[in-house]
Amino acid sequence: QVQLAESGGGLVQAGGSLRLSCAASGRNIFSLNNMGWYRQAPGKQRELVASIGRSGIRNYADSVKGRFTISRDAYRNTVYLQMNSLKPDDTAVYYCNADNWWGQGTQVTVSS
């Protein structure tokens, strides 16, 4: 069993930055096959934003490449999503995922 707690969402102007955190408990994040960040905007399907595998290989959605960075901290057992150059289209609820487990989500709103 893995519990995931997201934080760091909020309201930011276009061009600004936010850092999301996903604190995991119940398992060491390095024992998981994959951890990722997904997002879901109103009326749209949930989509993968970024992921990091056990080996450290990272994947990004084309829409965020060069702007977002996923990273992990073994000591804090936490995965981060650094989001720079935010756009209004990035507005969504962001969810942390670890294999079969999901966090409750954190709202990110980017104003124009």
C-alpha atoms as a PDB file:
ATOM      1  CA  GLN A   1       0.000   0.000   0.000  1.00  0.00           C
ATOM      2  CA  VAL A   2       1.277   3.429  -0.956  1.00  0.00           C
ATOM      3  CA  GLN A   3      -0.124   6.746   0.194  1.00  0.00           C
ATOM      4  CA  LEU A   4       0.600   9.835  -1.873  1.00  0.00           C
ATOM      5  CA  ALA A   5       0.157  13.414  -0.709  1.00  0.00           C
ATOM      6  CA  GLU A   6       0.485  16.218  -3.254  1.00  0.00           C
ATOM      7  CA  SER A   7       1.147  19.832  -2.421  1.00  0.00           C
ATOM      8  CA  GLY A   8       2.375  22.993  -4.082  1.00  0.00           C
ATOM      9  CA  GLY A   9      -0.499  23.872  -6.354  1.00  0.00           C
ATOM     10  CA  GLY A  10      -1.962  27.338  -6.553  1.00  0.00           C
ATOM     11  CA  LEU A  11      -2.691  30.357  -8.686  1.00  0.00           C
ATOM     12  CA  VAL A  12       0.116  31.839 -10.769  1.00  0.00           C
ATOM     13  CA  GLN A  13       0.382  34.271 -13.649  1.00  0.00           C
ATOM     14  CA  ALA A  14       1.435  33.118 -17.085  1.00  0.00           C
ATOM     15  CA  GLY A  15       5.198  32.867 -17.277  1.00  0.00           C
ATOM     16  CA  GLY A  16       5.487  32.025 -13.608  1.00  0.00           C
ATOM     17  CA  SER A  17       6.682  28.901 -11.839  1.00  0.00           C
ATOM     18  CA  LEU A  18       5.401  26.367  -9.350  1.00  0.00           C
ATOM     19  CA  ARG A  19       6.884  23.276  -7.773  1.00  0.00           C
ATOM     20  CA  LEU A  20       4.612  20.381  -6.957  1.00  0.00           C
ATOM     21  CA  SER A  21       5.579  17.813  -4.352  1.00  0.00           C
ATOM     22  CA  CYS A  22       4.360  14.261  -3.928  1.00  0.00           C
ATOM     23  CA  ALA A  23       5.302  12.753  -0.599  1.00  0.00           C
ATOM     24  CA  ALA A  24       5.029   8.983  -0.560  1.00  0.00           C
ATOM     25  CA  SER A  25       4.552   6.739   2.450  1.00  0.00           C
ATOM     26  CA  GLY A  26       4.285   2.999   2.782  1.00  0.00           C
ATOM     27  CA  ARG A  27       6.957   2.188   0.206  1.00  0.00           C
ATOM     28  CA  ASN A  28      10.323   3.560  -0.795  1.00  0.00           C
ATOM     29  CA  ILE A  29       9.841   5.422  -4.059  1.00  0.00           C
ATOM     30  CA  PHE A  30      12.933   3.757  -5.506  1.00  0.00           C
ATOM     31  CA  SER A  31      11.220   0.387  -5.100  1.00  0.00           C
ATOM     32  CA  LEU A  32       8.372   1.453  -7.383  1.00  0.00           C
ATOM     33  CA  ASN A  33       8.441   0.770 -11.099  1.00  0.00           C
ATOM     34  CA  ASN A  34       7.277   4.191 -12.109  1.00  0.00           C
ATOM     35  CA  MET A  35       6.176   7.463 -10.630  1.00  0.00           C
ATOM     36  CA  GLY A  36       4.521  10.203 -12.549  1.00  0.00           C
ATOM     37  CA  TRP A  37       2.473  13.336 -12.672  1.00  0.00           C
ATOM     38  CA  TYR A  38      -0.790  13.457 -14.556  1.00  0.00           C
ATOM     39  CA  ARG A  39      -3.217  16.290 -15.061  1.00  0.00           C
ATOM     40  CA  GLN A  40      -6.867  16.676 -15.879  1.00  0.00           C
ATOM     41  CA  ALA A  41      -8.438  19.863 -17.121  1.00  0.00           C
ATOM     42  CA  PRO A  42     -12.219  20.404 -17.044  1.00  0.00           C
ATOM     43  CA  GLY A  43     -13.907  18.429 -19.790  1.00  0.00           C
ATOM     44  CA  LYS A  44     -10.711  16.666 -20.790  1.00  0.00           C
ATOM     45  CA  GLN A  45      -9.213  13.273 -20.155  1.00  0.00           C
ATOM     46  CA  ARG A  46      -6.453  12.750 -17.651  1.00  0.00           C
ATOM     47  CA  GLU A  47      -3.092  12.899 -19.382  1.00  0.00           C
ATOM     48  CA  LEU A  48       0.475  12.037 -18.493  1.00  0.00           C
ATOM     49  CA  VAL A  49       2.660  15.070 -17.870  1.00  0.00           C
ATOM     50  CA  ALA A  50       5.926  13.508 -16.745  1.00  0.00           C
ATOM     51  CA  SER A  51       7.179  10.235 -15.354  1.00  0.00           C
ATOM     52  CA  ILE A  52      10.338   8.779 -13.883  1.00  0.00           C
ATOM     53  CA  GLY A  53      11.139   5.111 -13.850  1.00  0.00           C
ATOM     54  CA  ARG A  54      13.004   3.106 -11.273  1.00  0.00           C
ATOM     55  CA  SER A  55      16.185   3.474 -13.317  1.00  0.00           C
ATOM     56  CA  GLY A  56      15.762   7.214 -13.454  1.00  0.00           C
ATOM     57  CA  ILE A  57      14.639   7.450 -17.059  1.00  0.00           C
ATOM     58  CA  ARG A  58      12.312  10.404 -17.499  1.00  0.00           C
ATOM     59  CA  ASN A  59       9.503  10.940 -19.971  1.00  0.00           C
ATOM     60  CA  TYR A  60       7.623  14.146 -20.707  1.00  0.00           C
ATOM     61  CA  ALA A  61       4.554  15.110 -22.645  1.00  0.00           C
ATOM     62  CA  ASP A  62       5.505  17.120 -25.728  1.00  0.00           C
ATOM     63  CA  SER A  63       3.532  20.066 -24.414  1.00  0.00           C
ATOM     64  CA  VAL A  64       5.752  20.450 -21.352  1.00  0.00           C
ATOM     65  CA  LYS A  65       9.183  19.484 -22.660  1.00  0.00           C
ATOM     66  CA  GLY A  66      11.747  22.131 -21.844  1.00  0.00           C
ATOM     67  CA  ARG A  67       9.475  23.729 -19.241  1.00  0.00           C
ATOM     68  CA  PHE A  68       8.773  21.009 -16.660  1.00  0.00           C
ATOM     69  CA  THR A  69      11.234  18.813 -14.799  1.00  0.00           C
ATOM     70  CA  ILE A  70      10.463  15.737 -12.731  1.00  0.00           C
ATOM     71  CA  SER A  71      12.845  14.740  -9.972  1.00  0.00           C
ATOM     72  CA  ARG A  72      12.932  12.639  -6.825  1.00  0.00           C
ATOM     73  CA  ASP A  73      14.467  12.871  -3.374  1.00  0.00           C
ATOM     74  CA  ALA A  74      15.356   9.617  -1.657  1.00  0.00           C
ATOM     75  CA  TYR A  75      15.763  11.172   1.789  1.00  0.00           C
ATOM     76  CA  ARG A  76      12.327  12.790   1.715  1.00  0.00           C
ATOM     77  CA  ASN A  77      10.767   9.920  -0.286  1.00  0.00           C
ATOM     78  CA  THR A  78       9.258  12.599  -2.469  1.00  0.00           C
ATOM     79  CA  VAL A  79       8.829  13.251  -6.164  1.00  0.00           C
ATOM     80  CA  TYR A  80       8.740  16.790  -7.495  1.00  0.00           C
ATOM     81  CA  LEU A  81       7.477  18.512 -10.599  1.00  0.00           C
ATOM     82  CA  GLN A  82       9.160  21.829 -11.281  1.00  0.00           C
ATOM     83  CA  MET A  83       6.985  23.828 -13.655  1.00  0.00           C
ATOM     84  CA  ASN A  84       8.433  26.892 -15.356  1.00  0.00           C
ATOM     85  CA  SER A  85       7.102  29.230 -18.027  1.00  0.00           C
ATOM     86  CA  LEU A  86       3.568  28.264 -17.126  1.00  0.00           C
ATOM     87  CA  LYS A  87       0.786  28.849 -19.616  1.00  0.00           C
ATOM     88  CA  PRO A  88      -2.984  29.119 -19.161  1.00  0.00           C
ATOM     89  CA  ASP A  89      -3.262  25.737 -20.940  1.00  0.00           C
ATOM     90  CA  ASP A  90      -1.402  24.189 -18.004  1.00  0.00           C
ATOM     91  CA  THR A  91      -4.401  24.863 -15.783  1.00  0.00           C
ATOM     92  CA  ALA A  92      -5.637  21.543 -14.401  1.00  0.00           C
ATOM     93  CA  VAL A  93      -5.778  19.310 -11.378  1.00  0.00           C
ATOM     94  CA  TYR A  94      -2.414  17.591 -11.098  1.00  0.00           C
ATOM     95  CA  TYR A  95      -2.265  14.064  -9.745  1.00  0.00           C
ATOM     96  CA  CYS A  96       0.687  12.074  -8.490  1.00  0.00           C
ATOM     97  CA  ASN A  97       0.800   8.432  -9.519  1.00  0.00           C
ATOM     98  CA  ALA A  98       2.921   5.572  -8.260  1.00  0.00           C
ATOM     99  CA  ASP A  99       2.294   2.303 -10.096  1.00  0.00           C
ATOM    100  CA  ASN A 100      -1.333   1.529  -9.094  1.00  0.00           C
ATOM    101  CA  TRP A 101      -1.785   4.292  -6.538  1.00  0.00           C
ATOM    102  CA  TRP A 102      -3.005   7.872  -6.909  1.00  0.00           C
ATOM    103  CA  GLY A 103      -2.895  11.008  -4.851  1.00  0.00           C
ATOM    104  CA  GLN A 104      -5.881  13.247  -4.246  1.00  0.00           C
ATOM    105  CA  GLY A 105      -4.739  15.927  -6.676  1.00  0.00           C
ATOM    106  CA  THR A 106      -3.706  19.551  -6.402  1.00  0.00           C
ATOM    107  CA  GLN A 107      -5.158  22.424  -8.403  1.00  0.00           C
ATOM    108  CA  VAL A 108      -2.912  24.517 -10.630  1.00  0.00           C
ATOM    109  CA  THR A 109      -4.415  27.632 -12.159  1.00  0.00           C
ATOM    110  CA  VAL A 110      -2.474  29.824 -14.567  1.00  0.00           C
ATOM    111  CA  SER A 111      -3.961  33.218 -15.312  1.00  0.00           C
ATOM    112  CA  SER A 112      -3.306  35.086 -18.537  1.00  0.00           C
END
